[in-house]
Amino acid sequence: MAVPARKTSKNAKRSRRGGQGGINTPTIHQNENGVYVRNHHVAADGTYKGKQVIAPK
């Protein structure tokens, strides 16, 4: 059986798990029309990077 010879210390365990942090919330900002939009997404008014790409709802 694969059994560790020594107990893993708290420091070793925490340093190994250092990159497993929480998930960040997506960045949301207002575009030039004042509509909130996520990065790399089409806004609710149908604009993307200042250009009308789909018909507004």
Protein backbone atom coordinates (compact mmCIF):
# COMPACT_ATOMS: atom_id res chain seq x y z
CA MET A 1 0.00 0.00 0.00
CA ALA A 2 1.09 3.56 -0.65
CA VAL A 3 1.39 5.04 2.81
CA PRO A 4 3.45 8.16 3.54
CA ALA A 5 6.42 7.53 5.81
CA ARG A 6 6.01 10.88 7.56
CA LYS A 7 3.08 13.12 8.36
CA THR A 8 2.74 16.05 5.95
CA SER A 9 3.37 19.25 7.85
CA LYS A 10 0.90 22.13 7.81
CA ASN A 11 3.42 24.31 6.00
CA ALA A 12 4.01 21.77 3.22
CA LYS A 13 0.30 21.18 2.79
CA ARG A 14 -0.54 24.90 2.66
CA SER A 15 2.26 25.72 0.21
CA ARG A 16 1.08 22.94 -2.11
CA ARG A 17 -2.51 24.19 -1.95
CA GLY A 18 -1.58 27.85 -2.41
CA GLY A 19 -2.71 27.96 -6.02
CA GLN A 20 -6.14 26.53 -5.28
CA GLY A 21 -7.63 29.86 -4.27
CA GLY A 22 -11.25 30.86 -4.68
CA ILE A 23 -12.90 31.71 -7.96
CA ASN A 24 -12.87 35.40 -8.82
CA THR A 25 -16.10 37.10 -9.77
CA PRO A 26 -16.33 38.30 -13.38
CA THR A 27 -15.35 41.89 -14.07
CA ILE A 28 -18.39 44.05 -14.82
CA HIS A 29 -18.12 47.64 -16.06
CA GLN A 30 -20.26 50.27 -17.73
CA ASN A 31 -19.86 50.80 -21.46
CA GLU A 32 -20.15 54.19 -23.17
CA ASN A 33 -23.97 53.93 -23.17
CA GLY A 34 -24.07 53.39 -19.40
CA VAL A 35 -25.10 49.73 -19.68
CA TYR A 36 -23.36 47.20 -17.43
CA VAL A 37 -21.53 44.52 -19.42
CA ARG A 38 -19.07 41.70 -18.69
CA ASN A 39 -15.72 41.55 -20.46
CA HIS A 40 -15.85 39.84 -23.90
CA HIS A 41 -19.68 39.75 -23.87
CA VAL A 42 -22.33 41.59 -25.86
CA ALA A 43 -24.19 44.20 -23.79
CA ALA A 44 -27.93 44.03 -23.18
CA ASP A 45 -28.48 46.84 -25.69
CA GLY A 46 -26.78 44.79 -28.45
CA THR A 47 -23.46 46.66 -28.60
CA TYR A 48 -19.95 45.23 -28.50
CA LYS A 49 -16.89 47.50 -28.37
CA GLY A 50 -19.01 50.51 -29.30
CA LYS A 51 -20.57 48.91 -32.39
CA GLN A 52 -24.16 47.66 -32.80
CA VAL A 53 -23.81 43.92 -33.49
CA ILE A 54 -27.36 42.64 -32.87
CA ALA A 55 -30.78 44.24 -32.80
CA PRO A 56 -31.57 45.65 -29.34
CA LYS A 57 -34.25 43.94 -27.31
